[in-house]
PDB file of N, CA and C in Angstrom:
ATOM      1  N   MET A   1       0.867  -1.187  -0.014  1.00  0.00           N
ATOM      2  CA  MET A   1       0.011  -0.008   0.007  1.00  0.00           C
ATOM      3  C   MET A   1       0.861   1.265  -0.003  1.00  0.00           C
ATOM      4  N   ASN A   2       0.530   2.175  -0.796  1.00  0.00           N
ATOM      5  CA  ASN A   2       1.252   3.454  -0.934  1.00  0.00           C
ATOM      6  C   ASN A   2       0.985   4.325   0.196  1.00  0.00           C
ATOM      7  N   GLN A   3       2.043   4.818   0.937  1.00  0.00           N
ATOM      8  CA  GLN A   3       1.849   5.728   2.048  1.00  0.00           C
ATOM      9  C   GLN A   3       3.025   6.670   2.128  1.00  0.00           C
ATOM     10  N   ILE A   4       2.774   7.840   2.770  1.00  0.00           N
ATOM     11  CA  ILE A   4       3.820   8.816   2.947  1.00  0.00           C
ATOM     12  C   ILE A   4       4.676   8.341   4.123  1.00  0.00           C
ATOM     13  N   MET A   5       5.976   8.229   3.856  1.00  0.00           N
ATOM     14  CA  MET A   5       6.893   7.799   4.934  1.00  0.00           C
ATOM     15  C   MET A   5       8.206   8.456   4.844  1.00  0.00           C
ATOM     16  N   ARG A   6       8.930   8.503   5.908  1.00  0.00           N
ATOM     17  CA  ARG A   6      10.298   9.036   5.908  1.00  0.00           C
ATOM     18  C   ARG A   6      11.217   7.933   5.294  1.00  0.00           C
ATOM     19  N   VAL A   7      11.975   8.334   4.326  1.00  0.00           N
ATOM     20  CA  VAL A   7      12.858   7.401   3.588  1.00  0.00           C
ATOM     21  C   VAL A   7      14.290   7.890   3.577  1.00  0.00           C
ATOM     22  N   TRP A   8      15.229   6.965   3.860  1.00  0.00           N
ATOM     23  CA  TRP A   8      16.665   7.287   3.805  1.00  0.00           C
ATOM     24  C   TRP A   8      17.166   6.712   2.462  1.00  0.00           C
ATOM     25  N   ILE A   9      17.745   7.573   1.612  1.00  0.00           N
ATOM     26  CA  ILE A   9      18.216   7.191   0.295  1.00  0.00           C
ATOM     27  C   ILE A   9      19.759   7.386   0.212  1.00  0.00           C
ATOM     28  N   PRO A  10      20.480   6.337   0.035  1.00  0.00           N
ATOM     29  CA  PRO A  10      21.955   6.479  -0.178  1.00  0.00           C
ATOM     30  C   PRO A  10      22.159   7.110  -1.583  1.00  0.00           C
ATOM     31  N   LEU A  11      23.042   8.020  -1.690  1.00  0.00           N
ATOM     32  CA  LEU A  11      23.344   8.757  -2.917  1.00  0.00           C
ATOM     33  C   LEU A  11      24.646   8.260  -3.517  1.00  0.00           C
ATOM     34  N   ASP A  12      24.557   7.944  -4.780  1.00  0.00           N
ATOM     35  CA  ASP A  12      25.840   7.636  -5.549  1.00  0.00           C
ATOM     36  C   ASP A  12      26.214   8.913  -6.332  1.00  0.00           C
ATOM     37  N   GLU A  13      27.306   8.826  -7.073  1.00  0.00           N
ATOM     38  CA  GLU A  13      27.812   9.989  -7.792  1.00  0.00           C
ATOM     39  C   GLU A  13      26.739  10.529  -8.783  1.00  0.00           C
ATOM     40  N   LYS A  14      26.027   9.632  -9.422  1.00  0.00           N
ATOM     41  CA  LYS A  14      25.011  10.075 -10.455  1.00  0.00           C
ATOM     42  C   LYS A  14      23.920  10.821  -9.746  1.00  0.00           C
ATOM     43  N   SER A  15      23.424  10.355  -8.570  1.00  0.00           N
ATOM     44  CA  SER A  15      22.333  11.038  -7.862  1.00  0.00           C
ATOM     45  C   SER A  15      22.837  12.391  -7.348  1.00  0.00           C
ATOM     46  N   ILE A  16      24.116  12.465  -6.897  1.00  0.00           N
ATOM     47  CA  ILE A  16      24.601  13.715  -6.391  1.00  0.00           C
ATOM     48  C   ILE A  16      24.715  14.738  -7.546  1.00  0.00           C
ATOM     49  N   ALA A  17      25.140  14.245  -8.729  1.00  0.00           N
ATOM     50  CA  ALA A  17      25.207  15.172  -9.880  1.00  0.00           C
ATOM     51  C   ALA A  17      23.810  15.679 -10.283  1.00  0.00           C
ATOM     52  N   ALA A  18      22.816  14.805 -10.197  1.00  0.00           N
ATOM     53  CA  ALA A  18      21.419  15.222 -10.533  1.00  0.00           C
ATOM     54  C   ALA A  18      20.924  16.203  -9.515  1.00  0.00           C
ATOM     55  N   LEU A  19      21.270  15.947  -8.242  1.00  0.00           N
ATOM     56  CA  LEU A  19      20.834  16.898  -7.212  1.00  0.00           C
ATOM     57  C   LEU A  19      21.473  18.265  -7.418  1.00  0.00           C
ATOM     58  N   ARG A  20      22.730  18.313  -7.824  1.00  0.00           N
ATOM     59  CA  ARG A  20      23.441  19.502  -8.062  1.00  0.00           C
ATOM     60  C   ARG A  20      22.819  20.242  -9.286  1.00  0.00           C
ATOM     61  N   ALA A  21      22.572  19.525 -10.353  1.00  0.00           N
ATOM     62  CA  ALA A  21      22.124  20.135 -11.625  1.00  0.00           C
ATOM     63  C   ALA A  21      20.659  20.498 -11.629  1.00  0.00           C
ATOM     64  N   GLN A  22      19.787  19.573 -11.029  1.00  0.00           N
ATOM     65  CA  GLN A  22      18.357  19.705 -11.205  1.00  0.00           C
ATOM     66  C   GLN A  22      17.695  20.020  -9.875  1.00  0.00           C
ATOM     67  N   ASN A  23      18.375  19.975  -8.746  1.00  0.00           N
ATOM     68  CA  ASN A  23      17.868  20.147  -7.454  1.00  0.00           C
ATOM     69  C   ASN A  23      16.842  19.064  -7.085  1.00  0.00           C
ATOM     70  N   SER A  24      16.896  17.914  -7.764  1.00  0.00           N
ATOM     71  CA  SER A  24      16.001  16.819  -7.466  1.00  0.00           C
ATOM     72  C   SER A  24      16.739  15.515  -7.954  1.00  0.00           C
ATOM     73  N   ILE A  25      16.175  14.386  -7.435  1.00  0.00           N
ATOM     74  CA  ILE A  25      16.749  13.085  -7.851  1.00  0.00           C
ATOM     75  C   ILE A  25      15.564  12.118  -8.146  1.00  0.00           C
ATOM     76  N   HIS A  26      15.830  11.159  -8.903  1.00  0.00           N
ATOM     77  CA  HIS A  26      14.881  10.039  -9.139  1.00  0.00           C
ATOM     78  C   HIS A  26      15.488   8.818  -8.524  1.00  0.00           C
ATOM     79  N   ALA A  27      14.908   8.377  -7.411  1.00  0.00           N
ATOM     80  CA  ALA A  27      15.356   7.178  -6.738  1.00  0.00           C
ATOM     81  C   ALA A  27      14.308   6.122  -6.783  1.00  0.00           C
ATOM     82  N   ILE A  28      14.683   4.882  -6.945  1.00  0.00           N
ATOM     83  CA  ILE A  28      13.698   3.794  -6.998  1.00  0.00           C
ATOM     84  C   ILE A  28      13.515   3.154  -5.623  1.00  0.00           C
ATOM     85  N   GLU A  29      14.582   3.068  -4.884  1.00  0.00           N
ATOM     86  CA  GLU A  29      14.486   2.364  -3.573  1.00  0.00           C
ATOM     87  C   GLU A  29      15.174   3.252  -2.474  1.00  0.00           C
ATOM     88  N   GLY A  30      14.761   2.994  -1.297  1.00  0.00           N
ATOM     89  CA  GLY A  30      15.376   3.575  -0.064  1.00  0.00           C
ATOM     90  C   GLY A  30      15.074   2.695   1.117  1.00  0.00           C
ATOM     91  N   PHE A  31      15.303   3.241   2.263  1.00  0.00           N
ATOM     92  CA  PHE A  31      15.169   2.491   3.532  1.00  0.00           C
ATOM     93  C   PHE A  31      14.233   3.260   4.451  1.00  0.00           C
ATOM     94  N   SER A  32      13.330   2.560   5.153  1.00  0.00           N
ATOM     95  CA  SER A  32      12.389   3.234   6.006  1.00  0.00           C
ATOM     96  C   SER A  32      12.136   2.310   7.265  1.00  0.00           C
ATOM     97  N   LEU A  33      11.534   2.872   8.248  1.00  0.00           N
ATOM     98  CA  LEU A  33      11.139   2.164   9.436  1.00  0.00           C
ATOM     99  C   LEU A  33       9.928   1.323   9.162  1.00  0.00           C
ATOM    100  N   THR A  34      10.050   0.245   8.371  1.00  0.00           N
ATOM    101  CA  THR A  34       8.973  -0.597   7.966  1.00  0.00           C
ATOM    102  C   THR A  34       8.530  -1.467   9.168  1.00  0.00           C
ATOM    103  N   GLN A  35       7.267  -1.981   9.044  1.00  0.00           N
ATOM    104  CA  GLN A  35       6.782  -2.832  10.114  1.00  0.00           C
ATOM    105  C   GLN A  35       7.690  -4.056  10.234  1.00  0.00           C
ATOM    106  N   GLN A  36       8.131  -4.593   9.096  1.00  0.00           N
ATOM    107  CA  GLN A  36       8.981  -5.788   9.118  1.00  0.00           C
ATOM    108  C   GLN A  36      10.291  -5.513   9.823  1.00  0.00           C
ATOM    109  N   TRP A  37      10.917  -4.400   9.481  1.00  0.00           N
ATOM    110  CA  TRP A  37      12.183  -4.041  10.061  1.00  0.00           C
ATOM    111  C   TRP A  37      12.033  -3.759  11.566  1.00  0.00           C
ATOM    112  N   LEU A  38      10.997  -3.085  11.963  1.00  0.00           N
ATOM    113  CA  LEU A  38      10.776  -2.864  13.383  1.00  0.00           C
ATOM    114  C   LEU A  38      10.579  -4.160  14.150  1.00  0.00           C
ATOM    115  N   ALA A  39       9.861  -5.108  13.549  1.00  0.00           N
ATOM    116  CA  ALA A  39       9.713  -6.387  14.211  1.00  0.00           C
ATOM    117  C   ALA A  39      10.998  -7.144  14.421  1.00  0.00           C
ATOM    118  N   GLU A  40      11.970  -6.906  13.512  1.00  0.00           N
ATOM    119  CA  GLU A  40      13.284  -7.574  13.576  1.00  0.00           C
ATOM    120  C   GLU A  40      14.210  -6.963  14.573  1.00  0.00           C
ATOM    121  N   CYS A  41      13.926  -5.702  14.970  1.00  0.00           N
ATOM    122  CA  CYS A  41      14.809  -4.950  15.885  1.00  0.00           C
ATOM    123  C   CYS A  41      14.501  -5.215  17.358  1.00  0.00           C
ATOM    124  N   ASP A  42      15.526  -5.201  18.162  1.00  0.00           N
ATOM    125  CA  ASP A  42      15.377  -5.338  19.612  1.00  0.00           C
ATOM    126  C   ASP A  42      15.125  -3.948  20.280  1.00  0.00           C
ATOM    127  N   GLU A  43      15.290  -2.907  19.553  1.00  0.00           N
ATOM    128  CA  GLU A  43      15.233  -1.552  19.997  1.00  0.00           C
ATOM    129  C   GLU A  43      13.881  -0.940  19.732  1.00  0.00           C
ATOM    130  N   ASP A  44      13.415   0.006  20.596  1.00  0.00           N
ATOM    131  CA  ASP A  44      12.158   0.692  20.330  1.00  0.00           C
ATOM    132  C   ASP A  44      12.308   2.198  20.461  1.00  0.00           C
ATOM    133  N   ASP A  45      13.508   2.735  20.732  1.00  0.00           N
ATOM    134  CA  ASP A  45      13.748   4.138  20.793  1.00  0.00           C
ATOM    135  C   ASP A  45      13.847   4.730  19.392  1.00  0.00           C
ATOM    136  N   PRO A  46      12.907   5.651  18.980  1.00  0.00           N
ATOM    137  CA  PRO A  46      12.901   6.110  17.579  1.00  0.00           C
ATOM    138  C   PRO A  46      14.239   6.757  17.165  1.00  0.00           C
ATOM    139  N   GLU A  47      14.934   7.503  18.076  1.00  0.00           N
ATOM    140  CA  GLU A  47      16.195   8.136  17.705  1.00  0.00           C
ATOM    141  C   GLU A  47      17.286   7.083  17.373  1.00  0.00           C
ATOM    142  N   ILE A  48      17.315   6.071  18.152  1.00  0.00           N
ATOM    143  CA  ILE A  48      18.324   4.951  17.902  1.00  0.00           C
ATOM    144  C   ILE A  48      17.979   4.244  16.619  1.00  0.00           C
ATOM    145  N   LEU A  49      16.675   3.980  16.414  1.00  0.00           N
ATOM    146  CA  LEU A  49      16.230   3.274  15.204  1.00  0.00           C
ATOM    147  C   LEU A  49      16.580   4.086  13.975  1.00  0.00           C
ATOM    148  N   GLU A  50      16.323   5.380  13.995  1.00  0.00           N
ATOM    149  CA  GLU A  50      16.665   6.238  12.852  1.00  0.00           C
ATOM    150  C   GLU A  50      18.199   6.308  12.638  1.00  0.00           C
ATOM    151  N   ASP A  51      18.946   6.325  13.749  1.00  0.00           N
ATOM    152  CA  ASP A  51      20.389   6.367  13.579  1.00  0.00           C
ATOM    153  C   ASP A  51      20.870   5.019  12.969  1.00  0.00           C
ATOM    154  N   ASP A  52      20.311   3.928  13.374  1.00  0.00           N
ATOM    155  CA  ASP A  52      20.679   2.623  12.813  1.00  0.00           C
ATOM    156  C   ASP A  52      20.328   2.573  11.325  1.00  0.00           C
ATOM    157  N   LEU A  53      19.189   3.171  10.989  1.00  0.00           N
ATOM    158  CA  LEU A  53      18.808   3.181   9.604  1.00  0.00           C
ATOM    159  C   LEU A  53      19.719   4.072   8.746  1.00  0.00           C
ATOM    160  N   LEU A  54      20.163   5.180   9.323  1.00  0.00           N
ATOM    161  CA  LEU A  54      21.102   6.008   8.587  1.00  0.00           C
ATOM    162  C   LEU A  54      22.376   5.245   8.313  1.00  0.00           C
ATOM    163  N   TYR A  55      22.933   4.572   9.271  1.00  0.00           N
ATOM    164  CA  TYR A  55      24.165   3.812   9.012  1.00  0.00           C
ATOM    165  C   TYR A  55      23.992   2.605   8.162  1.00  0.00           C
ATOM    166  N   GLU A  56      22.807   1.942   8.174  1.00  0.00           N
ATOM    167  CA  GLU A  56      22.512   0.870   7.278  1.00  0.00           C
ATOM    168  C   GLU A  56      22.375   1.368   5.880  1.00  0.00           C
ATOM    169  N   SER A  57      21.672   2.454   5.651  1.00  0.00           N
ATOM    170  CA  SER A  57      21.491   3.010   4.291  1.00  0.00           C
ATOM    171  C   SER A  57      22.794   3.615   3.792  1.00  0.00           C
ATOM    172  N   GLY A  58      23.599   4.163   4.638  1.00  0.00           N
ATOM    173  CA  GLY A  58      24.888   4.768   4.220  1.00  0.00           C
ATOM    174  C   GLY A  58      26.086   3.836   4.313  1.00  0.00           C
ATOM    175  N   ALA A  59      25.822   2.531   4.443  1.00  0.00           N
ATOM    176  CA  ALA A  59      26.905   1.562   4.575  1.00  0.00           C
ATOM    177  C   ALA A  59      27.905   1.630   3.370  1.00  0.00           C
ATOM    178  N   HIS A  60      27.335   1.868   2.192  1.00  0.00           N
ATOM    179  CA  HIS A  60      28.214   1.855   1.015  1.00  0.00           C
ATOM    180  C   HIS A  60      28.180   3.203   0.270  1.00  0.00           C
ATOM    181  N   SER A  61      27.871   4.266   1.055  1.00  0.00           N
ATOM    182  CA  SER A  61      27.736   5.609   0.454  1.00  0.00           C
ATOM    183  C   SER A  61      28.271   6.673   1.404  1.00  0.00           C
ATOM    184  N   MET A  62      28.811   7.702   0.858  1.00  0.00           N
ATOM    185  CA  MET A  62      29.339   8.785   1.728  1.00  0.00           C
ATOM    186  C   MET A  62      28.202   9.845   1.934  1.00  0.00           C
ATOM    187  N   ALA A  63      27.039   9.678   1.284  1.00  0.00           N
ATOM    188  CA  ALA A  63      25.988  10.642   1.394  1.00  0.00           C
ATOM    189  C   ALA A  63      24.629   9.977   1.426  1.00  0.00           C
ATOM    190  N   VAL A  64      23.715  10.530   2.309  1.00  0.00           N
ATOM    191  CA  VAL A  64      22.387   9.991   2.386  1.00  0.00           C
ATOM    192  C   VAL A  64      21.459  11.203   2.444  1.00  0.00           C
ATOM    193  N   ILE A  65      20.291  11.105   1.771  1.00  0.00           N
ATOM    194  CA  ILE A  65      19.281  12.115   1.816  1.00  0.00           C
ATOM    195  C   ILE A  65      18.069  11.459   2.514  1.00  0.00           C
ATOM    196  N   VAL A  66      17.433  12.228   3.411  1.00  0.00           N
ATOM    197  CA  VAL A  66      16.244  11.732   4.051  1.00  0.00           C
ATOM    198  C   VAL A  66      15.061  12.571   3.541  1.00  0.00           C
ATOM    199  N   VAL A  67      14.049  11.888   3.056  1.00  0.00           N
ATOM    200  CA  VAL A  67      12.910  12.586   2.449  1.00  0.00           C
ATOM    201  C   VAL A  67      11.550  11.998   3.034  1.00  0.00           C
ATOM    202  N   SER A  68      10.542  12.804   2.847  1.00  0.00           N
ATOM    203  CA  SER A  68       9.221  12.324   3.239  1.00  0.00           C
ATOM    204  C   SER A  68       8.391  12.220   1.902  1.00  0.00           C
ATOM    205  N   VAL A  69       8.186  11.014   1.456  1.00  0.00           N
ATOM    206  CA  VAL A  69       7.564  10.723   0.108  1.00  0.00           C
ATOM    207  C   VAL A  69       6.626   9.562   0.183  1.00  0.00           C
ATOM    208  N   ALA A  70       5.846   9.385  -0.903  1.00  0.00           N
ATOM    209  CA  ALA A  70       5.069   8.214  -1.058  1.00  0.00           C
ATOM    210  C   ALA A  70       5.931   7.012  -1.366  1.00  0.00           C
ATOM    211  N   ALA A  71       5.749   5.954  -0.634  1.00  0.00           N
ATOM    212  CA  ALA A  71       6.530   4.741  -0.847  1.00  0.00           C
ATOM    213  C   ALA A  71       5.741   3.504  -0.500  1.00  0.00           C
ATOM    214  N   VAL A  72       6.265   2.374  -0.973  1.00  0.00           N
ATOM    215  CA  VAL A  72       5.581   1.066  -0.736  1.00  0.00           C
ATOM    216  C   VAL A  72       6.614   0.119  -0.122  1.00  0.00           C
ATOM    217  N   GLU A  73       6.232  -0.546   0.963  1.00  0.00           N
ATOM    218  CA  GLU A  73       7.112  -1.548   1.562  1.00  0.00           C
ATOM    219  C   GLU A  73       7.277  -2.683   0.596  1.00  0.00           C
ATOM    220  N   THR A  74       8.535  -3.185   0.437  1.00  0.00           N
ATOM    221  CA  THR A  74       8.840  -4.289  -0.501  1.00  0.00           C
ATOM    222  C   THR A  74       8.693  -5.628   0.108  1.00  0.00           C
ATOM    223  N   GLY A  75       8.662  -5.725   1.423  1.00  0.00           N
ATOM    224  CA  GLY A  75       8.623  -7.043   2.085  1.00  0.00           C
ATOM    225  C   GLY A  75      10.021  -7.501   2.418  1.00  0.00           C
ATOM    226  N   ILE A  76      11.025  -6.726   2.015  1.00  0.00           N
ATOM    227  CA  ILE A  76      12.433  -7.056   2.301  1.00  0.00           C
ATOM    228  C   ILE A  76      12.934  -6.129   3.404  1.00  0.00           C
ATOM    229  N   SER A  77      12.831  -6.517   4.632  1.00  0.00           N
ATOM    230  CA  SER A  77      13.335  -5.781   5.841  1.00  0.00           C
ATOM    231  C   SER A  77      12.918  -4.303   5.758  1.00  0.00           C
ATOM    232  N   ALA A  78      13.883  -3.386   5.698  1.00  0.00           N
ATOM    233  CA  ALA A  78      13.606  -1.938   5.735  1.00  0.00           C
ATOM    234  C   ALA A  78      13.502  -1.313   4.356  1.00  0.00           C
ATOM    235  N   THR A  79      13.513  -2.118   3.285  1.00  0.00           N
ATOM    236  CA  THR A  79      13.530  -1.580   1.909  1.00  0.00           C
ATOM    237  C   THR A  79      12.144  -1.141   1.491  1.00  0.00           C
ATOM    238  N   VAL A  80      12.080   0.063   0.823  1.00  0.00           N
ATOM    239  CA  VAL A  80      10.811   0.517   0.295  1.00  0.00           C
ATOM    240  C   VAL A  80      11.061   0.991  -1.168  1.00  0.00           C
ATOM    241  N   GLN A  81       9.997   0.979  -1.959  1.00  0.00           N
ATOM    242  CA  GLN A  81      10.065   1.476  -3.339  1.00  0.00           C
ATOM    243  C   GLN A  81       9.455   2.906  -3.329  1.00  0.00           C
ATOM    244  N   ILE A  82      10.135   3.808  -3.948  1.00  0.00           N
ATOM    245  CA  ILE A  82       9.705   5.214  -4.010  1.00  0.00           C
ATOM    246  C   ILE A  82       8.887   5.394  -5.246  1.00  0.00           C
ATOM    247  N   GLN A  83       7.748   6.115  -5.090  1.00  0.00           N
ATOM    248  CA  GLN A  83       6.770   6.221  -6.184  1.00  0.00           C
ATOM    249  C   GLN A  83       6.845   7.496  -6.945  1.00  0.00           C
ATOM    250  N   GLN A  84       7.773   8.410  -6.653  1.00  0.00           N
ATOM    251  CA  GLN A  84       7.820   9.686  -7.391  1.00  0.00           C
ATOM    252  C   GLN A  84       9.232  10.240  -7.322  1.00  0.00           C
ATOM    253  N   PRO A  85       9.552  11.150  -8.206  1.00  0.00           N
ATOM    254  CA  PRO A  85      10.848  11.849  -8.125  1.00  0.00           C
ATOM    255  C   PRO A  85      10.912  12.635  -6.798  1.00  0.00           C
ATOM    256  N   VAL A  86      12.099  12.783  -6.258  1.00  0.00           N
ATOM    257  CA  VAL A  86      12.320  13.498  -4.983  1.00  0.00           C
ATOM    258  C   VAL A  86      12.569  14.972  -5.329  1.00  0.00           C
ATOM    259  N   SER A  87      11.751  15.864  -4.766  1.00  0.00           N
ATOM    260  CA  SER A  87      11.915  17.336  -5.006  1.00  0.00           C
ATOM    261  C   SER A  87      12.393  17.974  -3.706  1.00  0.00           C
ATOM    262  N   PRO A  88      12.864  19.230  -3.822  1.00  0.00           N
ATOM    263  CA  PRO A  88      13.374  19.934  -2.575  1.00  0.00           C
ATOM    264  C   PRO A  88      12.353  20.012  -1.443  1.00  0.00           C
ATOM    265  N   GLN A  89      11.065  20.019  -1.806  1.00  0.00           N
ATOM    266  CA  GLN A  89      10.054  20.129  -0.752  1.00  0.00           C
ATOM    267  C   GLN A  89       9.940  18.860   0.083  1.00  0.00           C
ATOM    268  N   ASP A  90      10.455  17.703  -0.497  1.00  0.00           N
ATOM    269  CA  ASP A  90      10.363  16.413   0.209  1.00  0.00           C
ATOM    270  C   ASP A  90      11.512  16.221   1.196  1.00  0.00           C
ATOM    271  N   VAL A  91      12.561  17.040   1.116  1.00  0.00           N
ATOM    272  CA  VAL A  91      13.779  16.820   1.909  1.00  0.00           C
ATOM    273  C   VAL A  91      13.534  17.138   3.386  1.00  0.00           C
ATOM    274  N   VAL A  92      13.943  16.195   4.200  1.00  0.00           N
ATOM    275  CA  VAL A  92      13.922  16.347   5.685  1.00  0.00           C
ATOM    276  C   VAL A  92      15.331  16.685   6.147  1.00  0.00           C
ATOM    277  N   ALA A  93      16.344  16.009   5.578  1.00  0.00           N
ATOM    278  CA  ALA A  93      17.760  16.210   5.955  1.00  0.00           C
ATOM    279  C   ALA A  93      18.681  15.637   4.961  1.00  0.00           C
ATOM    280  N   PHE A  94      19.906  16.112   4.967  1.00  0.00           N
ATOM    281  CA  PHE A  94      21.013  15.551   4.209  1.00  0.00           C
ATOM    282  C   PHE A  94      22.076  15.079   5.223  1.00  0.00           C
ATOM    283  N   PHE A  95      22.714  14.006   4.922  1.00  0.00           N
ATOM    284  CA  PHE A  95      23.850  13.536   5.784  1.00  0.00           C
ATOM    285  C   PHE A  95      25.022  13.244   4.853  1.00  0.00           C
ATOM    286  N   ALA A  96      26.242  13.591   5.310  1.00  0.00           N
ATOM    287  CA  ALA A  96      27.483  13.314   4.541  1.00  0.00           C
ATOM    288  C   ALA A  96      28.567  12.982   5.540  1.00  0.00           C
ATOM    289  N   ARG A  97      29.471  12.177   5.017  1.00  0.00           N
ATOM    290  CA  ARG A  97      30.669  11.917   5.880  1.00  0.00           C
ATOM    291  C   ARG A  97      31.898  11.993   4.998  1.00  0.00           C
ATOM    292  N   SER A  98      33.052  12.229   5.648  1.00  0.00           N
ATOM    293  CA  SER A  98      34.254  12.316   4.966  1.00  0.00           C
ATOM    294  C   SER A  98      34.926  10.930   5.012  1.00  0.00           C
ATOM    295  N   SER A  99      35.892  10.748   4.142  1.00  0.00           N
ATOM    296  CA  SER A  99      36.676   9.469   4.138  1.00  0.00           C
ATOM    297  C   SER A  99      37.454   9.325   5.402  1.00  0.00           C
ATOM    298  N   LEU A 100      37.647  10.369   6.189  1.00  0.00           N
ATOM    299  CA  LEU A 100      38.392  10.331   7.380  1.00  0.00           C
ATOM    300  C   LEU A 100      37.589  10.066   8.619  1.00  0.00           C
ATOM    301  N   ASP A 101      36.242  10.092   8.509  1.00  0.00           N
ATOM    302  CA  ASP A 101      35.375   9.979   9.658  1.00  0.00           C
ATOM    303  C   ASP A 101      34.200   9.017   9.335  1.00  0.00           C
ATOM    304  N   GLU A 102      33.871   8.204  10.301  1.00  0.00           N
ATOM    305  CA  GLU A 102      32.748   7.252  10.095  1.00  0.00           C
ATOM    306  C   GLU A 102      31.388   7.940  10.408  1.00  0.00           C
ATOM    307  N   ASP A 103      31.460   9.060  11.188  1.00  0.00           N
ATOM    308  CA  ASP A 103      30.223   9.718  11.560  1.00  0.00           C
ATOM    309  C   ASP A 103      29.718  10.574  10.471  1.00  0.00           C
ATOM    310  N   PHE A 104      28.369  10.630  10.341  1.00  0.00           N
ATOM    311  CA  PHE A 104      27.786  11.485   9.332  1.00  0.00           C
ATOM    312  C   PHE A 104      27.549  12.864   9.928  1.00  0.00           C
ATOM    313  N   SER A 105      27.727  13.887   9.083  1.00  0.00           N
ATOM    314  CA  SER A 105      27.388  15.233   9.427  1.00  0.00           C
ATOM    315  C   SER A 105      25.943  15.517   8.939  1.00  0.00           C
ATOM    316  N   TRP A 106      25.177  16.237   9.763  1.00  0.00           N
ATOM    317  CA  TRP A 106      23.753  16.535   9.411  1.00  0.00           C
ATOM    318  C   TRP A 106      23.716  17.906   8.771  1.00  0.00           C
ATOM    319  N   PHE A 107      22.856  18.024   7.725  1.00  0.00           N
ATOM    320  CA  PHE A 107      22.586  19.264   7.076  1.00  0.00           C
ATOM    321  C   PHE A 107      21.060  19.382   6.944  1.00  0.00           C
ATOM    322  N   GLY A 108      20.510  20.563   7.301  1.00  0.00           N
ATOM    323  CA  GLY A 108      19.073  20.804   7.149  1.00  0.00           C
ATOM    324  C   GLY A 108      18.708  20.941   5.681  1.00  0.00           C
ATOM    325  N   PRO A 109      17.428  20.947   5.428  1.00  0.00           N
ATOM    326  CA  PRO A 109      16.939  21.038   4.012  1.00  0.00           C
ATOM    327  C   PRO A 109      17.390  22.320   3.257  1.00  0.00           C
ATOM    328  N   SER A 110      17.590  23.401   4.007  1.00  0.00           N
ATOM    329  CA  SER A 110      18.056  24.630   3.300  1.00  0.00           C
ATOM    330  C   SER A 110      19.566  24.680   3.208  1.00  0.00           C
ATOM    331  N   GLU A 111      20.278  23.694   3.666  1.00  0.00           N
ATOM    332  CA  GLU A 111      21.751  23.670   3.577  1.00  0.00           C
ATOM    333  C   GLU A 111      22.303  22.827   2.470  1.00  0.00           C
ATOM    334  N   ILE A 112      21.583  22.684   1.376  1.00  0.00           N
ATOM    335  CA  ILE A 112      21.922  21.799   0.308  1.00  0.00           C
ATOM    336  C   ILE A 112      23.307  22.230  -0.268  1.00  0.00           C
ATOM    337  N   HIS A 113      23.607  23.499  -0.358  1.00  0.00           N
ATOM    338  CA  HIS A 113      24.879  23.953  -0.877  1.00  0.00           C
ATOM    339  C   HIS A 113      26.090  23.556  -0.018  1.00  0.00           C
ATOM    340  N   ASN A 114      25.910  23.606   1.298  1.00  0.00           N
ATOM    341  CA  ASN A 114      26.955  23.137   2.244  1.00  0.00           C
ATOM    342  C   ASN A 114      27.126  21.631   2.125  1.00  0.00           C
ATOM    343  N   PHE A 115      26.036  20.918   1.976  1.00  0.00           N
ATOM    344  CA  PHE A 115      26.082  19.444   1.831  1.00  0.00           C
ATOM    345  C   PHE A 115      26.830  19.116   0.532  1.00  0.00           C
ATOM    346  N   LEU A 116      26.464  19.739  -0.575  1.00  0.00           N
ATOM    347  CA  LEU A 116      27.091  19.424  -1.803  1.00  0.00           C
ATOM    348  C   LEU A 116      28.584  19.806  -1.856  1.00  0.00           C
ATOM    349  N   GLU A 117      28.898  20.878  -1.116  1.00  0.00           N
ATOM    350  CA  GLU A 117      30.352  21.273  -1.016  1.00  0.00           C
ATOM    351  C   GLU A 117      31.167  20.182  -0.311  1.00  0.00           C
ATOM    352  N   LEU A 118      30.604  19.669   0.796  1.00  0.00           N
ATOM    353  CA  LEU A 118      31.356  18.596   1.524  1.00  0.00           C
ATOM    354  C   LEU A 118      31.428  17.317   0.654  1.00  0.00           C
ATOM    355  N   VAL A 119      30.339  16.946   0.012  1.00  0.00           N
ATOM    356  CA  VAL A 119      30.388  15.718  -0.804  1.00  0.00           C
ATOM    357  C   VAL A 119      31.343  15.878  -1.945  1.00  0.00           C
ATOM    358  N   GLN A 120      31.417  17.066  -2.557  1.00  0.00           N
ATOM    359  CA  GLN A 120      32.254  17.291  -3.742  1.00  0.00           C
ATOM    360  C   GLN A 120      33.732  17.132  -3.362  1.00  0.00           C
ATOM    361  N   ARG A 121      34.071  17.439  -2.099  1.00  0.00           N
ATOM    362  CA  ARG A 121      35.455  17.296  -1.676  1.00  0.00           C
ATOM    363  C   ARG A 121      35.903  15.878  -1.501  1.00  0.00           C
ATOM    364  N   GLN A 122      35.021  14.925  -1.545  1.00  0.00           N
ATOM    365  CA  GLN A 122      35.348  13.487  -1.312  1.00  0.00           C
ATOM    366  C   GLN A 122      35.864  12.859  -2.570  1.00  0.00           C
TER     367      GLN A 122
END
């Protein structure tokens, strides 16, 4: 069922270039606090769950965008399918990390230029 949910999307170089050029991206999949994933977790603190999801979605990426969009649970743990292109109005936060640090830096929706500047240096 299609519903509005908060989705963590790992960004690759192509997505970052699209974000820079068009101020939007087209992502097919992301990660969310799905019922299945929540059932698999031993944790129930929302902040810890969201932090876990950030690091899971960013496991193979230096950048993650968090958006509030229409998505459908896939039945595969925390994975969801995104039903529309992601626009600036959908952005909740940006996260980026450097190659020297495992921790992600947080950027608000209006800080896209600072986010892109950090990502570009990687």
